[in-house]
Amino acid sequence: MILSCIIIVLGLLGGLLMLWHVPAAETPSGPVTDEDLQLATRVSLIIPAYNEAKRIRPLLLSLRDQDVQPGEIRLVDDGSTDETAAIAYAEGLVVLSTEQLNLDWVGKSRACWHGAQTAGGDWLLFLDADTRLDQPDSLRRILRTFAKLGGRGGLSLQPHHSIIRLYESLSMVFNIVVMAGMGVFTPWGGRLHGIGLFGPCLICDRCDYFSVGGHAAIHNQIMDDLALGRLFQQFNLPVFNRSGRGTVSFRMYPEGFLSLFAGWTKNFASGATATHHLVLSLLILWICSGYSTMTLLIKAILSDQGIWLITAVFFYIFYAVLIGRLGNLCGRFPIFLPLFFPFLLIFFTLVFIRSLIQTRQLHTVRWRGRNIRP
């Protein structure tokens, strides 16, 4: 039991350190300025979409409500078989289609590249179709943040996860690991080499994007967001990451539990190999401490020793509070959810193992009717 306590303490410390400081986007003060309007005219907004008819309306409505409008908005329909294109047309968007299915292109890279090639803005803002801008000034926040950081390289915001149905809460640990795994939110900040960019909301300089080859250069990468960020870094271009809390959000896998299970399986194991070894160690310690907390509580109950039972309950509550804090940095989850963290950790472990098998052994993943080869 003493060993379990040591692991738990180390893991709790690791959990605190891996998301020590998570900055958000700049918050504009006051009304729209001439500078805001000039920044907006510089940006081309690109929405890659594949069978997004059930998910895209919140994004389109939120774009309509923005207090500044981008220079242009382009939706790239990547071979959808539903009403995605028709919905975008009805909202007055420019709709492009990828002309042919290139089998060696993975994920949304083809759509992003096609949209970038036809865009005319100085900045390119890629937004996934299942995101939404939370506030009327959200676009201003993104543009001001990028401008304040120099307007070069790339900036990404990880959307805040909105939960509507209970099964969606199973994504909590995954969201935490995605945020922490980026490696830039520890006390060491920029001194750790981040692993890339978040994909759902990403803005970059057009010249920088094309100078490194853009999505065409990483067209066969299942984790296109991480790969694009590393590509910028290889060319000594700056890469920045922020939380999207209060600015941009998404609802992941509203189609049901099976979609959630398949979605996280698709690419999760691939990101683990890219995570900085120090951050990966913190993550492993944090997850192991969760399992140790469970086993300590079981042993304490079976031993019928009061001091160990009190200790185990204390650690259980402490871990629940910590996972609740980390979860709040990533999304809006039910307040009672942290108390059931053992189920979240077990589900995370099962999906991670399945992802390893499919990506490392079978070398194929099925996603939205397409076979993806990592």
Protein backbone atom coordinates (compact mmCIF):
# COMPACT_ATOMS: atom_id res chain seq x y z
CA MET A 1 0.00 0.00 0.00
CA ILE A 2 2.90 2.35 0.65
CA LEU A 3 4.09 1.89 -2.94
CA SER A 4 0.59 2.71 -4.19
CA CYS A 5 0.63 5.92 -2.13
CA ILE A 6 3.96 6.96 -3.63
CA ILE A 7 2.67 6.36 -7.17
CA ILE A 8 -0.50 8.29 -6.39
CA VAL A 9 1.38 11.31 -5.03
CA LEU A 10 3.75 11.37 -8.01
CA GLY A 11 0.83 11.03 -10.41
CA LEU A 12 -1.14 13.82 -8.79
CA LEU A 13 1.92 16.06 -9.08
CA GLY A 14 2.29 15.03 -12.72
CA GLY A 15 -1.35 15.91 -13.38
CA LEU A 16 -0.84 19.37 -11.91
CA LEU A 17 2.29 20.01 -13.97
CA MET A 18 1.11 18.78 -17.38
CA LEU A 19 -1.60 21.48 -17.62
CA TRP A 20 -0.02 24.07 -15.34
CA HIS A 21 -0.83 27.14 -17.43
CA VAL A 22 -3.30 27.07 -20.33
CA PRO A 23 -3.62 30.53 -21.93
CA ALA A 24 -6.67 31.46 -23.99
CA ALA A 25 -7.14 33.87 -26.88
CA GLU A 26 -6.96 37.63 -26.46
CA THR A 27 -10.21 39.24 -25.30
CA PRO A 28 -10.94 42.48 -27.21
CA SER A 29 -12.03 45.44 -25.11
CA GLY A 30 -14.50 47.92 -26.52
CA PRO A 31 -16.19 48.13 -29.91
CA VAL A 32 -14.84 47.04 -33.27
CA THR A 33 -11.89 49.17 -34.39
CA ASP A 34 -10.51 49.98 -37.83
CA GLU A 35 -7.63 47.64 -37.05
CA ASP A 36 -10.09 44.80 -36.40
CA LEU A 37 -11.78 45.44 -39.74
CA GLN A 38 -8.43 45.49 -41.54
CA LEU A 39 -7.37 42.23 -39.92
CA ALA A 40 -10.66 40.60 -40.92
CA THR A 41 -10.25 41.54 -44.57
CA ARG A 42 -6.86 39.82 -44.59
CA VAL A 43 -8.18 36.37 -43.72
CA SER A 44 -9.61 33.60 -45.88
CA LEU A 45 -11.72 31.18 -43.86
CA ILE A 46 -11.59 27.59 -45.13
CA ILE A 47 -13.96 24.86 -43.93
CA PRO A 48 -13.02 21.31 -44.98
CA ALA A 49 -16.16 19.17 -44.93
CA TYR A 50 -17.10 15.56 -45.51
CA ASN A 51 -20.68 14.48 -44.73
CA GLU A 52 -21.16 17.27 -42.19
CA ALA A 53 -24.85 18.04 -42.83
CA LYS A 54 -25.80 17.12 -39.26
CA ARG A 55 -23.00 19.14 -37.68
CA ILE A 56 -22.28 22.24 -39.74
CA ARG A 57 -25.26 24.52 -39.01
CA PRO A 58 -23.99 25.78 -35.60
CA LEU A 59 -20.75 26.93 -37.24
CA LEU A 60 -22.54 28.71 -40.08
CA LEU A 61 -24.91 30.45 -37.69
CA SER A 62 -22.05 31.55 -35.46
CA LEU A 63 -20.17 32.94 -38.47
CA ARG A 64 -23.22 34.97 -39.43
CA ASP A 65 -23.26 36.53 -35.93
CA GLN A 66 -19.63 37.71 -35.90
CA ASP A 67 -19.07 41.45 -35.43
CA VAL A 68 -16.39 41.35 -38.13
CA GLN A 69 -16.54 39.22 -41.25
CA PRO A 70 -13.58 37.52 -42.94
CA GLY A 71 -12.51 38.58 -46.39
CA GLU A 72 -13.91 35.35 -47.77
CA ILE A 73 -15.38 32.06 -46.59
CA ARG A 74 -14.88 28.87 -48.58
CA LEU A 75 -16.30 25.46 -47.83
CA VAL A 76 -14.49 22.58 -49.51
CA ASP A 77 -16.78 19.60 -50.02
CA ASP A 78 -14.56 16.52 -49.93
CA GLY A 79 -16.88 14.09 -51.73
CA SER A 80 -19.84 14.30 -49.35
CA THR A 81 -22.87 12.10 -50.05
CA ASP A 82 -25.25 14.13 -47.86
CA GLU A 83 -26.58 17.71 -47.99
CA THR A 84 -23.39 19.42 -46.79
CA ALA A 85 -22.89 21.42 -49.99
CA ALA A 86 -26.56 22.41 -50.25
CA ILE A 87 -26.60 23.75 -46.69
CA ALA A 88 -23.47 25.82 -47.37
CA TYR A 89 -24.93 27.17 -50.64
CA ALA A 90 -28.09 28.22 -48.80
CA GLU A 91 -25.93 30.27 -46.41
CA GLY A 92 -24.28 32.04 -49.32
CA LEU A 93 -20.86 30.40 -48.98
CA VAL A 94 -18.50 29.73 -51.83
CA VAL A 95 -18.52 25.94 -52.17
CA LEU A 96 -15.64 24.07 -53.79
CA SER A 97 -15.35 20.37 -54.51
CA THR A 98 -12.30 18.16 -54.52
CA GLU A 99 -12.33 16.84 -58.05
CA GLN A 100 -10.95 13.37 -57.52
CA LEU A 101 -10.25 10.93 -54.73
CA ASN A 102 -6.50 10.57 -54.32
CA LEU A 103 -6.06 7.38 -52.36
CA ASP A 104 -2.71 8.38 -50.87
CA TRP A 105 -4.21 11.50 -49.27
CA VAL A 106 -5.37 10.94 -45.68
CA GLY A 107 -8.10 12.76 -43.76
CA LYS A 108 -8.93 16.39 -44.49
CA SER A 109 -5.56 17.39 -45.98
CA ARG A 110 -6.88 17.25 -49.55
CA ALA A 111 -9.76 19.60 -48.76
CA CYS A 112 -7.55 22.02 -46.81
CA TRP A 113 -4.99 22.15 -49.61
CA HIS A 114 -7.62 22.71 -52.30
CA GLY A 115 -9.19 25.52 -50.28
CA ALA A 116 -5.84 27.18 -49.61
CA GLN A 117 -4.89 27.10 -53.29
CA THR A 118 -7.98 29.06 -54.27
CA ALA A 119 -7.97 31.46 -51.30
CA GLY A 120 -6.84 35.06 -51.72
CA GLY A 121 -6.27 36.20 -48.14
CA ASP A 122 -2.93 36.96 -46.50
CA TRP A 123 -3.95 34.68 -43.61
CA LEU A 124 -5.63 31.28 -43.84
CA LEU A 125 -8.04 30.24 -41.07
CA PHE A 126 -9.01 26.56 -41.13
CA LEU A 127 -12.13 25.69 -39.12
CA ASP A 128 -13.52 22.17 -38.82
CA ALA A 129 -17.18 21.89 -39.73
CA ASP A 130 -18.16 20.69 -36.24
CA THR A 131 -16.76 23.76 -34.48
CA ARG A 132 -18.61 26.94 -33.60
CA LEU A 133 -17.56 30.44 -32.59
CA ASP A 134 -18.92 31.04 -29.09
CA GLN A 135 -19.06 34.83 -28.97
CA PRO A 136 -19.81 37.58 -31.52
CA ASP A 137 -16.21 38.72 -31.07
CA SER A 138 -14.66 35.23 -31.37
CA LEU A 139 -13.20 35.88 -34.81
CA ARG A 140 -11.73 39.14 -33.54
CA ARG A 141 -10.14 37.25 -30.64
CA ILE A 142 -8.47 34.78 -32.99
CA LEU A 143 -7.21 37.48 -35.34
CA ARG A 144 -5.96 39.77 -32.56
CA THR A 145 -4.15 36.91 -30.87
CA PHE A 146 -2.39 35.91 -34.08
CA ALA A 147 -1.50 39.52 -34.86
CA LYS A 148 -0.13 40.08 -31.33
CA LEU A 149 2.06 36.99 -31.75
CA GLY A 150 3.54 38.44 -34.93
CA GLY A 151 1.22 37.04 -37.61
CA ARG A 152 3.79 34.49 -38.78
CA GLY A 153 3.87 30.71 -38.71
CA GLY A 154 0.79 29.14 -37.19
CA LEU A 155 -1.57 29.55 -34.24
CA SER A 156 -4.13 26.95 -33.18
CA LEU A 157 -6.88 26.95 -30.57
CA GLN A 158 -8.19 23.70 -29.14
CA PRO A 159 -11.99 24.09 -29.03
CA HIS A 160 -13.76 23.73 -25.71
CA HIS A 161 -15.73 20.49 -25.71
CA SER A 162 -19.49 20.90 -25.28
CA ILE A 163 -21.40 17.93 -23.85
CA ILE A 164 -25.08 17.32 -24.56
CA ARG A 165 -25.62 13.56 -24.20
CA LEU A 166 -24.13 11.59 -21.32
CA TYR A 167 -22.07 9.16 -23.42
CA GLU A 168 -20.11 12.11 -24.81
CA SER A 169 -18.60 12.55 -21.33
CA LEU A 170 -16.47 9.49 -22.04
CA SER A 171 -14.23 11.84 -24.03
CA MET A 172 -13.04 13.66 -20.89
CA VAL A 173 -9.72 11.85 -20.43
CA PHE A 174 -9.04 11.98 -24.18
CA ASN A 175 -9.53 15.76 -24.19
CA ILE A 176 -7.16 16.12 -21.25
CA VAL A 177 -4.51 13.98 -22.89
CA VAL A 178 -4.82 15.88 -26.20
CA MET A 179 -4.28 19.21 -24.44
CA ALA A 180 -1.46 17.98 -22.21
CA GLY A 181 0.21 15.98 -24.96
CA MET A 182 0.90 19.13 -26.94
CA GLY A 183 3.67 19.75 -24.40
CA VAL A 184 3.43 23.54 -24.16
CA PHE A 185 1.24 24.02 -21.09
CA THR A 186 3.72 22.82 -18.45
CA PRO A 187 5.65 25.18 -16.15
CA TRP A 188 8.50 24.93 -18.67
CA GLY A 189 6.28 26.43 -21.41
CA GLY A 190 8.10 27.19 -24.63
CA ARG A 191 11.31 25.57 -23.42
CA LEU A 192 9.75 22.22 -24.33
CA HIS A 193 9.52 21.55 -28.05
CA GLY A 194 5.78 21.32 -28.78
CA ILE A 195 4.58 18.51 -31.02
CA GLY A 196 2.57 20.59 -33.48
CA LEU A 197 -0.78 22.34 -33.77
CA PHE A 198 -4.39 21.63 -32.91
CA GLY A 199 -6.36 20.93 -36.07
CA PRO A 200 -9.97 22.12 -35.53
CA CYS A 201 -9.13 25.85 -35.39
CA LEU A 202 -5.86 26.86 -37.03
CA ILE A 203 -4.70 30.14 -38.53
CA CYS A 204 -1.46 30.67 -40.42
CA ASP A 205 0.28 33.08 -42.72
CA ARG A 206 -0.42 32.25 -46.35
CA CYS A 207 3.17 32.79 -47.53
CA ASP A 208 4.54 30.66 -44.69
CA TYR A 209 1.99 27.94 -45.44
CA PHE A 210 2.95 27.62 -49.09
CA SER A 211 6.67 28.05 -48.44
CA VAL A 212 6.68 24.83 -46.37
CA GLY A 213 4.43 22.95 -48.77
CA GLY A 214 1.20 23.19 -46.76
CA HIS A 215 -1.07 20.19 -46.48
CA ALA A 216 0.35 18.74 -49.69
CA ALA A 217 3.63 18.11 -47.89
CA ILE A 218 1.91 16.07 -45.17
CA HIS A 219 -0.90 14.58 -47.29
CA ASN A 220 -0.29 11.02 -46.05
CA GLN A 221 -0.26 11.88 -42.33
CA ILE A 222 -3.28 10.80 -40.29
CA MET A 223 -2.43 13.46 -37.67
CA ASP A 224 -2.29 16.32 -40.16
CA ASP A 225 -2.45 19.02 -37.46
CA LEU A 226 0.61 17.73 -35.62
CA ALA A 227 2.44 17.15 -38.90
CA LEU A 228 1.74 20.68 -40.15
CA GLY A 229 2.99 22.19 -36.90
CA ARG A 230 6.18 20.15 -37.07
CA LEU A 231 6.60 21.24 -40.68
CA PHE A 232 6.51 24.90 -39.63
CA GLN A 233 9.04 24.16 -36.89
CA GLN A 234 11.39 22.43 -39.34
CA PHE A 235 11.50 25.66 -41.31
CA ASN A 236 12.09 27.71 -38.12
CA LEU A 237 8.63 29.28 -38.24
CA PRO A 238 6.83 29.97 -34.93
CA VAL A 239 4.05 27.70 -33.69
CA PHE A 240 1.62 28.77 -30.96
CA ASN A 241 -1.18 26.94 -29.15
CA ARG A 242 -4.01 28.28 -27.02
CA SER A 243 -7.15 27.07 -25.33
CA GLY A 244 -10.35 27.87 -27.19
CA ARG A 245 -12.29 28.36 -23.96
CA GLY A 246 -14.74 31.22 -24.42
CA THR A 247 -13.84 31.60 -28.10
CA VAL A 248 -14.44 28.39 -30.04
CA SER A 249 -16.07 25.09 -29.10
CA PHE A 250 -17.19 21.84 -30.65
CA ARG A 251 -19.46 18.92 -29.93
CA MET A 252 -17.61 15.71 -30.69
CA TYR A 253 -19.31 12.60 -32.11
CA PRO A 254 -23.00 13.54 -31.73
CA GLU A 255 -23.96 10.53 -33.87
CA GLY A 256 -23.64 8.12 -30.95
CA PHE A 257 -21.33 5.99 -28.84
CA LEU A 258 -20.00 3.90 -31.74
CA SER A 259 -18.95 7.07 -33.57
CA LEU A 260 -17.12 8.29 -30.46
CA PHE A 261 -15.39 4.94 -30.05
CA ALA A 262 -14.30 4.85 -33.70
CA GLY A 263 -13.28 8.51 -33.75
CA TRP A 264 -10.87 8.28 -30.84
CA THR A 265 -9.55 4.97 -32.15
CA LYS A 266 -8.74 6.56 -35.50
CA ASN A 267 -5.72 8.55 -34.49
CA PHE A 268 -5.06 8.44 -30.78
CA ALA A 269 -2.13 6.03 -30.66
CA SER A 270 -0.39 7.99 -33.45
CA GLY A 271 -0.14 11.08 -31.28
CA ALA A 272 1.48 9.26 -28.36
CA THR A 273 4.70 8.62 -30.27
CA ALA A 274 5.11 12.34 -30.99
CA THR A 275 4.63 13.53 -27.38
CA HIS A 276 7.67 14.95 -25.60
CA HIS A 277 9.18 12.27 -23.35
CA LEU A 278 8.85 14.44 -20.23
CA VAL A 279 5.17 15.19 -20.87
CA LEU A 280 4.53 11.56 -21.79
CA SER A 281 6.06 10.55 -18.45
CA LEU A 282 3.75 12.96 -16.62
CA LEU A 283 0.75 11.56 -18.47
CA ILE A 284 1.69 7.97 -17.71
CA LEU A 285 2.24 8.80 -14.04
CA TRP A 286 -1.11 10.58 -13.87
CA ILE A 287 -3.00 7.66 -15.44
CA CYS A 288 -1.15 5.07 -13.33
CA SER A 289 -1.95 7.04 -10.18
CA GLY A 290 -5.63 6.85 -11.08
CA TYR A 291 -5.44 3.06 -11.26
CA SER A 292 -3.40 3.00 -8.04
CA THR A 293 -6.07 5.09 -6.34
CA MET A 294 -8.68 2.49 -7.32
CA THR A 295 -6.61 -0.47 -6.14
CA LEU A 296 -5.67 1.26 -2.89
CA LEU A 297 -9.35 1.87 -2.11
CA ILE A 298 -10.23 -1.77 -2.83
CA LYS A 299 -7.35 -3.06 -0.68
CA ALA A 300 -8.26 -0.68 2.14
CA ILE A 301 -11.87 -1.86 2.15
CA LEU A 302 -10.79 -5.52 2.18
CA SER A 303 -8.16 -4.94 4.90
CA ASP A 304 -10.70 -3.37 7.25
CA GLN A 305 -8.01 -0.99 8.57
CA GLY A 306 -9.42 2.44 9.36
CA ILE A 307 -6.28 4.48 8.68
CA TRP A 308 -5.81 2.99 5.23
CA LEU A 309 -9.48 3.47 4.38
CA ILE A 310 -9.28 7.16 5.33
CA THR A 311 -6.08 7.52 3.29
CA ALA A 312 -7.63 5.79 0.27
CA VAL A 313 -10.78 7.91 0.39
CA PHE A 314 -8.67 11.07 0.69
CA PHE A 315 -6.63 10.17 -2.40
CA TYR A 316 -9.77 9.18 -4.31
CA ILE A 317 -11.38 12.56 -3.63
CA PHE A 318 -8.13 14.39 -4.41
CA TYR A 319 -7.81 12.61 -7.76
CA ALA A 320 -11.47 13.31 -8.57
CA VAL A 321 -10.97 17.02 -7.83
CA LEU A 322 -7.84 17.10 -9.99
CA ILE A 323 -9.42 15.35 -12.97
CA GLY A 324 -12.38 17.71 -12.62
CA ARG A 325 -10.04 20.71 -12.78
CA LEU A 326 -8.21 19.33 -15.81
CA GLY A 327 -11.50 18.51 -17.50
CA ASN A 328 -12.79 22.05 -16.99
CA LEU A 329 -9.78 23.35 -18.89
CA CYS A 330 -10.83 21.24 -21.87
CA GLY A 331 -14.62 21.25 -21.89
CA ARG A 332 -17.95 21.62 -20.14
CA PHE A 333 -18.46 18.24 -18.48
CA PRO A 334 -21.10 17.21 -15.90
CA ILE A 335 -20.12 18.28 -12.39
CA PHE A 336 -20.57 14.75 -11.00
CA LEU A 337 -18.43 13.10 -13.68
CA PRO A 338 -15.03 13.22 -11.85
CA LEU A 339 -16.40 10.94 -9.12
CA PHE A 340 -16.62 8.18 -11.72
CA PHE A 341 -13.08 8.61 -13.01
CA PRO A 342 -12.29 4.83 -12.82
CA PHE A 343 -14.75 4.18 -15.65
CA LEU A 344 -13.24 7.04 -17.69
CA LEU A 345 -9.71 5.66 -17.27
CA ILE A 346 -10.75 2.11 -18.15
CA PHE A 347 -12.55 3.30 -21.28
CA PHE A 348 -9.54 5.39 -22.27
CA THR A 349 -7.22 2.40 -21.84
CA LEU A 350 -9.43 0.09 -23.93
CA VAL A 351 -9.67 2.58 -26.79
CA PHE A 352 -5.93 3.27 -26.66
CA ILE A 353 -5.14 -0.45 -26.90
CA ARG A 354 -7.55 -0.84 -29.82
CA SER A 355 -5.98 2.16 -31.53
CA LEU A 356 -2.52 0.63 -31.13
CA ILE A 357 -3.70 -2.64 -32.67
CA GLN A 358 -5.39 -0.99 -35.65
CA THR A 359 -2.70 1.60 -36.39
CA ARG A 360 0.39 -0.47 -35.59
CA GLN A 361 -0.64 -4.03 -36.45
CA LEU A 362 -3.54 -3.91 -38.91
CA HIS A 363 -2.42 -0.59 -40.48
CA THR A 364 -5.96 0.44 -41.32
CA VAL A 365 -8.79 2.32 -39.58
CA ARG A 366 -12.39 2.64 -40.73
CA TRP A 367 -13.80 6.16 -40.39
CA ARG A 368 -17.04 7.54 -41.87
CA GLY A 369 -17.18 4.91 -44.56
CA ARG A 370 -13.56 5.28 -45.63
CA ASN A 371 -10.59 3.07 -44.93
CA ILE A 372 -7.70 5.15 -43.60
CA ARG A 373 -4.17 3.80 -43.66
CA PRO A 374 -2.04 5.49 -40.95
